[in-house]
Amino acid sequence: MIIPALNEVRSIGHVIADLPTSLVSEIIVVDGGSTDGTAELARQLGAHVIVELRRGYGRACLAGLRHAAAADIVAFLDADYSDRPRELQQLIDPIIAGRADLVIGSRLAGRLHPDALPWHSRFGNRLAASLMRALYQVSLTDLGPFRAARADVLRAMPLREQTYGWPVEMIARAARSGHRVVEVPVSYYPRIGQSKITGTVRGSVGAAWHIITRIFLYRFSRCA
């Protein structure tokens, strides 16, 4: 389990405590230089903490992936406790059953708390998912952060997005390589603390720009 985190001391304990111990062999928390004790608490709770001071969501996920050398299935989860870690079984079941190589947890198809996502995030995710369906022929309603994949599939793909384009790149490269991308509904609740993305205008615009441009880039560029 790979968990990018930055100043999430109020939520990281809930996230780690809710992870099903029967399914998770290693918890990797990639800390972006937290100043509130996030890294220290994660270590106390048994997580392997990697410090990645260079900012970027994709960079943090890639750093965690490099350290997940022994895993057969790799899952990604945000540290804000908006997704429910105990629902991990729902994401890995299609992989174990041989029906999927990459599984995306859809907040919009699952139990979405009315205050969990602002309207612009819902609209943006629906738009991005519509573009992915049209351009990549993958059946998605959301580009949620709670996801799981076969480790060998992830390692075989030249993943290199450093920021908000990371969720798109993973799906786009998997689809273009003929891997099976499946969606399952997940619950989604208001996060603990303020979002670094949807909580600011700059973060929202930046994320939207990276996501939309990368959807087209990975579909039409031969060298992407």
C-alpha atoms as a PDB file:
ATOM      1  CA  MET A   1       0.000   0.000   0.000  1.00  0.00           C
ATOM      2  CA  ILE A   2       1.447   3.362  -1.079  1.00  0.00           C
ATOM      3  CA  ILE A   3       0.171   6.483   0.697  1.00  0.00           C
ATOM      4  CA  PRO A   4       1.441   9.935  -0.363  1.00  0.00           C
ATOM      5  CA  ALA A   5       1.195  12.333   2.581  1.00  0.00           C
ATOM      6  CA  LEU A   6       1.912  15.945   3.428  1.00  0.00           C
ATOM      7  CA  ASN A   7       0.903  17.333   6.824  1.00  0.00           C
ATOM      8  CA  GLU A   8      -1.798  14.731   7.440  1.00  0.00           C
ATOM      9  CA  VAL A   9      -1.134  13.978  11.119  1.00  0.00           C
ATOM     10  CA  ARG A  10      -4.848  14.266  11.928  1.00  0.00           C
ATOM     11  CA  SER A  11      -5.816  11.556   9.433  1.00  0.00           C
ATOM     12  CA  ILE A  12      -2.854   9.245   8.828  1.00  0.00           C
ATOM     13  CA  GLY A  13      -3.561   7.247  11.984  1.00  0.00           C
ATOM     14  CA  HIS A  14      -7.121   6.513  10.858  1.00  0.00           C
ATOM     15  CA  VAL A  15      -5.889   5.465   7.414  1.00  0.00           C
ATOM     16  CA  ILE A  16      -3.261   3.055   8.710  1.00  0.00           C
ATOM     17  CA  ALA A  17      -5.529   1.642  11.427  1.00  0.00           C
ATOM     18  CA  ASP A  18      -8.286   0.872   8.905  1.00  0.00           C
ATOM     19  CA  LEU A  19      -6.072  -1.012   6.468  1.00  0.00           C
ATOM     20  CA  PRO A  20      -6.970  -4.734   6.527  1.00  0.00           C
ATOM     21  CA  THR A  21      -3.903  -6.459   7.944  1.00  0.00           C
ATOM     22  CA  SER A  22      -4.786  -9.710   6.193  1.00  0.00           C
ATOM     23  CA  LEU A  23      -4.393  -8.011   2.803  1.00  0.00           C
ATOM     24  CA  VAL A  24      -1.533  -5.558   3.286  1.00  0.00           C
ATOM     25  CA  SER A  25       2.011  -6.868   3.640  1.00  0.00           C
ATOM     26  CA  GLU A  26       3.704  -3.454   3.630  1.00  0.00           C
ATOM     27  CA  ILE A  27       2.554   0.123   4.176  1.00  0.00           C
ATOM     28  CA  ILE A  28       4.690   2.720   2.413  1.00  0.00           C
ATOM     29  CA  VAL A  29       4.027   6.335   3.382  1.00  0.00           C
ATOM     30  CA  VAL A  30       5.758   8.821   1.085  1.00  0.00           C
ATOM     31  CA  ASP A  31       6.104  12.001   3.114  1.00  0.00           C
ATOM     32  CA  GLY A  32       6.595  15.278   1.276  1.00  0.00           C
ATOM     33  CA  GLY A  33       8.343  17.041   4.128  1.00  0.00           C
ATOM     34  CA  SER A  34       5.564  17.272   6.691  1.00  0.00           C
ATOM     35  CA  THR A  35       6.084  19.644   9.600  1.00  0.00           C
ATOM     36  CA  ASP A  36       3.236  18.383  11.787  1.00  0.00           C
ATOM     37  CA  GLY A  37       4.576  14.962  12.810  1.00  0.00           C
ATOM     38  CA  THR A  38       2.920  12.916  10.037  1.00  0.00           C
ATOM     39  CA  ALA A  39       6.067  10.916   9.277  1.00  0.00           C
ATOM     40  CA  GLU A  40       6.819  10.211  12.920  1.00  0.00           C
ATOM     41  CA  LEU A  41       3.296   8.968  13.625  1.00  0.00           C
ATOM     42  CA  ALA A  42       3.288   6.781  10.521  1.00  0.00           C
ATOM     43  CA  ARG A  43       6.541   5.148  11.639  1.00  0.00           C
ATOM     44  CA  GLN A  44       5.128   4.535  15.114  1.00  0.00           C
ATOM     45  CA  LEU A  45       2.177   2.759  13.508  1.00  0.00           C
ATOM     46  CA  GLY A  46       4.427   0.429  11.535  1.00  0.00           C
ATOM     47  CA  ALA A  47       4.650   2.134   8.158  1.00  0.00           C
ATOM     48  CA  HIS A  48       7.799   2.320   6.084  1.00  0.00           C
ATOM     49  CA  VAL A  49       8.262   6.067   5.620  1.00  0.00           C
ATOM     50  CA  ILE A  50      10.070   7.492   2.602  1.00  0.00           C
ATOM     51  CA  VAL A  51      10.833  11.202   2.557  1.00  0.00           C
ATOM     52  CA  GLU A  52      10.465  12.826  -0.874  1.00  0.00           C
ATOM     53  CA  LEU A  53      10.993  16.561  -0.483  1.00  0.00           C
ATOM     54  CA  ARG A  54      10.424  17.342  -4.157  1.00  0.00           C
ATOM     55  CA  ARG A  55       6.750  18.130  -4.439  1.00  0.00           C
ATOM     56  CA  GLY A  56       4.357  16.413  -6.820  1.00  0.00           C
ATOM     57  CA  TYR A  57       1.650  13.788  -6.441  1.00  0.00           C
ATOM     58  CA  GLY A  58       3.031  11.632  -9.223  1.00  0.00           C
ATOM     59  CA  ARG A  59       6.563  11.960  -7.902  1.00  0.00           C
ATOM     60  CA  ALA A  60       5.428  10.677  -4.500  1.00  0.00           C
ATOM     61  CA  CYS A  61       3.580   7.717  -6.025  1.00  0.00           C
ATOM     62  CA  LEU A  62       6.580   6.811  -8.187  1.00  0.00           C
ATOM     63  CA  ALA A  63       8.890   7.006  -5.165  1.00  0.00           C
ATOM     64  CA  GLY A  64       6.635   4.588  -3.319  1.00  0.00           C
ATOM     65  CA  LEU A  65       6.453   2.248  -6.302  1.00  0.00           C
ATOM     66  CA  ARG A  66      10.245   2.036  -6.475  1.00  0.00           C
ATOM     67  CA  HIS A  67      10.271   0.769  -2.879  1.00  0.00           C
ATOM     68  CA  ALA A  68       7.473  -1.787  -3.349  1.00  0.00           C
ATOM     69  CA  ALA A  69       9.851  -4.306  -4.871  1.00  0.00           C
ATOM     70  CA  ALA A  70       8.340  -7.490  -3.437  1.00  0.00           C
ATOM     71  CA  ALA A  71       4.650  -6.776  -4.028  1.00  0.00           C
ATOM     72  CA  ASP A  72       2.455  -8.695  -6.483  1.00  0.00           C
ATOM     73  CA  ILE A  73      -0.357  -6.115  -6.224  1.00  0.00           C
ATOM     74  CA  VAL A  74       0.255  -2.438  -5.486  1.00  0.00           C
ATOM     75  CA  ALA A  75      -2.498  -0.179  -4.170  1.00  0.00           C
ATOM     76  CA  PHE A  76      -2.542   3.618  -3.859  1.00  0.00           C
ATOM     77  CA  LEU A  77      -4.531   5.566  -1.295  1.00  0.00           C
ATOM     78  CA  ASP A  78      -4.628   9.200  -0.206  1.00  0.00           C
ATOM     79  CA  ALA A  79      -3.743  10.045   3.384  1.00  0.00           C
ATOM     80  CA  ASP A  80      -6.747  12.252   4.135  1.00  0.00           C
ATOM     81  CA  TYR A  81      -9.180   9.454   5.122  1.00  0.00           C
ATOM     82  CA  SER A  82     -11.714  10.417   2.457  1.00  0.00           C
ATOM     83  CA  ASP A  83     -11.545   6.926   0.956  1.00  0.00           C
ATOM     84  CA  ARG A  84     -12.088   4.040   3.340  1.00  0.00           C
ATOM     85  CA  PRO A  85      -9.043   1.728   3.488  1.00  0.00           C
ATOM     86  CA  ARG A  86     -11.174  -1.186   4.682  1.00  0.00           C
ATOM     87  CA  GLU A  87     -12.693  -1.326   1.179  1.00  0.00           C
ATOM     88  CA  LEU A  88      -9.363  -2.471  -0.282  1.00  0.00           C
ATOM     89  CA  GLN A  89     -10.761  -5.973  -0.825  1.00  0.00           C
ATOM     90  CA  GLN A  90     -13.179  -4.570  -3.407  1.00  0.00           C
ATOM     91  CA  LEU A  91     -10.291  -3.226  -5.458  1.00  0.00           C
ATOM     92  CA  ILE A  92      -8.052  -6.267  -5.420  1.00  0.00           C
ATOM     93  CA  ASP A  93     -10.785  -8.897  -5.953  1.00  0.00           C
ATOM     94  CA  PRO A  94     -10.966  -8.344  -9.751  1.00  0.00           C
ATOM     95  CA  ILE A  95      -7.165  -8.677  -9.973  1.00  0.00           C
ATOM     96  CA  ILE A  96      -7.083 -11.863  -7.901  1.00  0.00           C
ATOM     97  CA  ALA A  97      -9.922 -13.289  -9.995  1.00  0.00           C
ATOM     98  CA  GLY A  98      -7.958 -12.615 -13.182  1.00  0.00           C
ATOM     99  CA  ARG A  99     -10.490 -10.126 -14.547  1.00  0.00           C
ATOM    100  CA  ALA A 100      -8.416  -6.949 -14.282  1.00  0.00           C
ATOM    101  CA  ASP A 101      -4.893  -5.579 -14.377  1.00  0.00           C
ATOM    102  CA  LEU A 102      -5.766  -2.130 -13.046  1.00  0.00           C
ATOM    103  CA  VAL A 103      -8.745  -1.297 -10.835  1.00  0.00           C
ATOM    104  CA  ILE A 104      -9.997   2.229 -10.182  1.00  0.00           C
ATOM    105  CA  GLY A 105     -12.215   3.039  -7.215  1.00  0.00           C
ATOM    106  CA  SER A 106     -15.073   5.245  -8.416  1.00  0.00           C
ATOM    107  CA  ARG A 107     -16.347   7.763  -5.911  1.00  0.00           C
ATOM    108  CA  LEU A 108     -19.085   8.914  -8.279  1.00  0.00           C
ATOM    109  CA  ALA A 109     -20.451   5.394  -8.766  1.00  0.00           C
ATOM    110  CA  GLY A 110     -20.255   4.530  -5.076  1.00  0.00           C
ATOM    111  CA  ARG A 111     -21.444   5.994  -1.790  1.00  0.00           C
ATOM    112  CA  LEU A 112     -20.477   9.645  -2.143  1.00  0.00           C
ATOM    113  CA  HIS A 113     -21.112  11.839   0.871  1.00  0.00           C
ATOM    114  CA  PRO A 114     -22.799  15.069  -0.298  1.00  0.00           C
ATOM    115  CA  ASP A 115     -20.045  17.233   1.200  1.00  0.00           C
ATOM    116  CA  ALA A 116     -17.105  15.110   0.096  1.00  0.00           C
ATOM    117  CA  LEU A 117     -16.415  16.623  -3.337  1.00  0.00           C
ATOM    118  CA  PRO A 118     -17.074  20.231  -4.394  1.00  0.00           C
ATOM    119  CA  TRP A 119     -19.153  20.698  -7.529  1.00  0.00           C
ATOM    120  CA  HIS A 120     -16.176  21.620  -9.702  1.00  0.00           C
ATOM    121  CA  SER A 121     -14.384  18.411  -8.745  1.00  0.00           C
ATOM    122  CA  ARG A 122     -17.434  16.311  -9.590  1.00  0.00           C
ATOM    123  CA  PHE A 123     -17.812  18.084 -12.919  1.00  0.00           C
ATOM    124  CA  GLY A 124     -14.108  17.790 -13.725  1.00  0.00           C
ATOM    125  CA  ASN A 125     -13.978  14.101 -12.913  1.00  0.00           C
ATOM    126  CA  ARG A 126     -17.083  13.352 -14.963  1.00  0.00           C
ATOM    127  CA  LEU A 127     -15.619  15.268 -17.900  1.00  0.00           C
ATOM    128  CA  ALA A 128     -12.253  13.520 -17.619  1.00  0.00           C
ATOM    129  CA  ALA A 129     -13.889  10.098 -17.333  1.00  0.00           C
ATOM    130  CA  SER A 130     -16.030  10.854 -20.402  1.00  0.00           C
ATOM    131  CA  LEU A 131     -12.929  11.743 -22.397  1.00  0.00           C
ATOM    132  CA  MET A 132     -11.187   8.573 -21.234  1.00  0.00           C
ATOM    133  CA  ARG A 133     -14.172   6.485 -22.326  1.00  0.00           C
ATOM    134  CA  ALA A 134     -14.265   8.136 -25.735  1.00  0.00           C
ATOM    135  CA  LEU A 135     -10.535   8.136 -26.447  1.00  0.00           C
ATOM    136  CA  TYR A 136      -9.377   4.946 -24.707  1.00  0.00           C
ATOM    137  CA  GLN A 137     -12.516   2.775 -24.673  1.00  0.00           C
ATOM    138  CA  VAL A 138     -12.327   2.205 -20.921  1.00  0.00           C
ATOM    139  CA  SER A 139     -15.532   2.082 -18.887  1.00  0.00           C
ATOM    140  CA  LEU A 140     -14.951   4.715 -16.202  1.00  0.00           C
ATOM    141  CA  THR A 141     -17.050   7.239 -14.319  1.00  0.00           C
ATOM    142  CA  ASP A 142     -14.263   8.694 -12.175  1.00  0.00           C
ATOM    143  CA  LEU A 143     -10.458   9.009 -11.968  1.00  0.00           C
ATOM    144  CA  GLY A 144     -10.335   8.339  -8.250  1.00  0.00           C
ATOM    145  CA  PRO A 145      -7.080   8.120  -6.253  1.00  0.00           C
ATOM    146  CA  PHE A 146      -7.959   4.793  -4.560  1.00  0.00           C
ATOM    147  CA  ARG A 147      -6.697   2.206  -7.027  1.00  0.00           C
ATOM    148  CA  ALA A 148      -4.851  -1.090  -7.282  1.00  0.00           C
ATOM    149  CA  ALA A 149      -2.846  -2.785 -10.016  1.00  0.00           C
ATOM    150  CA  ARG A 150      -0.690  -5.757 -10.778  1.00  0.00           C
ATOM    151  CA  ALA A 151       2.836  -4.774  -9.804  1.00  0.00           C
ATOM    152  CA  ASP A 152       4.399  -6.276 -12.932  1.00  0.00           C
ATOM    153  CA  VAL A 153       2.077  -4.212 -15.131  1.00  0.00           C
ATOM    154  CA  LEU A 154       3.024  -0.994 -13.345  1.00  0.00           C
ATOM    155  CA  ARG A 155       6.743  -1.741 -13.550  1.00  0.00           C
ATOM    156  CA  ALA A 156       6.528  -2.519 -17.257  1.00  0.00           C
ATOM    157  CA  MET A 157       4.997   0.868 -18.086  1.00  0.00           C
ATOM    158  CA  PRO A 158       7.261   3.944 -18.488  1.00  0.00           C
ATOM    159  CA  LEU A 159       5.427   5.961 -15.850  1.00  0.00           C
ATOM    160  CA  ARG A 160       7.016   9.376 -15.402  1.00  0.00           C
ATOM    161  CA  GLU A 161       4.331  11.972 -14.610  1.00  0.00           C
ATOM    162  CA  GLN A 162       5.468  13.981 -11.599  1.00  0.00           C
ATOM    163  CA  THR A 163       2.354  15.964 -10.691  1.00  0.00           C
ATOM    164  CA  TYR A 164      -1.413  15.843 -11.211  1.00  0.00           C
ATOM    165  CA  GLY A 165      -1.176  13.989 -14.532  1.00  0.00           C
ATOM    166  CA  TRP A 166      -0.154  10.766 -12.770  1.00  0.00           C
ATOM    167  CA  PRO A 167      -3.670   9.251 -12.421  1.00  0.00           C
ATOM    168  CA  VAL A 168      -4.331   9.802 -16.144  1.00  0.00           C
ATOM    169  CA  GLU A 169      -0.969   8.438 -17.257  1.00  0.00           C
ATOM    170  CA  MET A 170      -1.467   5.164 -15.404  1.00  0.00           C
ATOM    171  CA  ILE A 171      -4.866   4.528 -17.000  1.00  0.00           C
ATOM    172  CA  ALA A 172      -3.837   5.756 -20.451  1.00  0.00           C
ATOM    173  CA  ARG A 173      -0.703   3.647 -20.660  1.00  0.00           C
ATOM    174  CA  ALA A 174      -2.512   0.578 -19.350  1.00  0.00           C
ATOM    175  CA  ALA A 175      -5.332   0.975 -21.878  1.00  0.00           C
ATOM    176  CA  ARG A 176      -2.978   1.608 -24.799  1.00  0.00           C
ATOM    177  CA  SER A 177      -0.988  -1.512 -23.867  1.00  0.00           C
ATOM    178  CA  GLY A 178      -4.114  -3.675 -23.904  1.00  0.00           C
ATOM    179  CA  HIS A 179      -4.336  -4.159 -20.156  1.00  0.00           C
ATOM    180  CA  ARG A 180      -7.741  -4.597 -18.573  1.00  0.00           C
ATOM    181  CA  VAL A 181      -8.931  -1.498 -16.703  1.00  0.00           C
ATOM    182  CA  VAL A 182     -11.903  -2.093 -14.415  1.00  0.00           C
ATOM    183  CA  GLU A 183     -13.864   0.223 -12.143  1.00  0.00           C
ATOM    184  CA  VAL A 184     -15.489  -0.636  -8.813  1.00  0.00           C
ATOM    185  CA  PRO A 185     -17.642   1.639  -6.614  1.00  0.00           C
ATOM    186  CA  VAL A 186     -16.104   2.916  -3.378  1.00  0.00           C
ATOM    187  CA  SER A 187     -17.278   5.142  -0.550  1.00  0.00           C
ATOM    188  CA  TYR A 188     -16.036   8.710  -0.294  1.00  0.00           C
ATOM    189  CA  TYR A 189     -16.316  11.065   2.677  1.00  0.00           C
ATOM    190  CA  PRO A 190     -15.213  14.610   3.541  1.00  0.00           C
ATOM    191  CA  ARG A 191     -11.482  14.630   4.041  1.00  0.00           C
ATOM    192  CA  ILE A 192      -9.832  15.479   7.336  1.00  0.00           C
ATOM    193  CA  GLY A 193      -8.110  18.837   6.863  1.00  0.00           C
ATOM    194  CA  GLN A 194      -7.935  21.068   3.790  1.00  0.00           C
ATOM    195  CA  SER A 195      -7.218  19.659   0.343  1.00  0.00           C
ATOM    196  CA  LYS A 196      -4.025  20.811  -1.363  1.00  0.00           C
ATOM    197  CA  ILE A 197      -5.857  20.556  -4.700  1.00  0.00           C
ATOM    198  CA  THR A 198      -9.594  21.251  -4.470  1.00  0.00           C
ATOM    199  CA  GLY A 199      -9.110  23.465  -1.434  1.00  0.00           C
ATOM    200  CA  THR A 200      -7.493  26.232  -3.499  1.00  0.00           C
ATOM    201  CA  VAL A 201      -8.240  27.855  -6.853  1.00  0.00           C
ATOM    202  CA  ARG A 202      -4.621  27.395  -7.953  1.00  0.00           C
ATOM    203  CA  GLY A 203      -4.655  23.724  -7.055  1.00  0.00           C
ATOM    204  CA  SER A 204      -7.965  23.064  -8.811  1.00  0.00           C
ATOM    205  CA  VAL A 205      -6.955  24.857 -12.022  1.00  0.00           C
ATOM    206  CA  GLY A 206      -3.538  23.218 -12.050  1.00  0.00           C
ATOM    207  CA  ALA A 207      -4.967  19.750 -11.578  1.00  0.00           C
ATOM    208  CA  ALA A 208      -7.600  20.267 -14.277  1.00  0.00           C
ATOM    209  CA  TRP A 209      -4.992  21.523 -16.756  1.00  0.00           C
ATOM    210  CA  HIS A 210      -2.666  18.577 -16.206  1.00  0.00           C
ATOM    211  CA  ILE A 211      -5.462  16.006 -16.351  1.00  0.00           C
ATOM    212  CA  ILE A 212      -7.156  17.254 -19.523  1.00  0.00           C
ATOM    213  CA  THR A 213      -3.943  17.899 -21.450  1.00  0.00           C
ATOM    214  CA  ARG A 214      -2.508  14.510 -20.497  1.00  0.00           C
ATOM    215  CA  ILE A 215      -5.648  12.692 -21.648  1.00  0.00           C
ATOM    216  CA  PHE A 216      -5.039  14.007 -25.170  1.00  0.00           C
ATOM    217  CA  LEU A 217      -1.242  13.767 -24.967  1.00  0.00           C
ATOM    218  CA  TYR A 218      -1.152  10.068 -24.168  1.00  0.00           C
ATOM    219  CA  ARG A 219      -3.787   9.284 -26.759  1.00  0.00           C
ATOM    220  CA  PHE A 220      -2.285  11.061 -29.751  1.00  0.00           C
ATOM    221  CA  SER A 221       1.441  11.524 -29.099  1.00  0.00           C
ATOM    222  CA  ARG A 222       3.628   8.658 -30.272  1.00  0.00           C
ATOM    223  CA  CYS A 223       6.503   9.592 -27.996  1.00  0.00           C
ATOM    224  CA  ALA A 224       4.461  10.163 -24.836  1.00  0.00           C
END
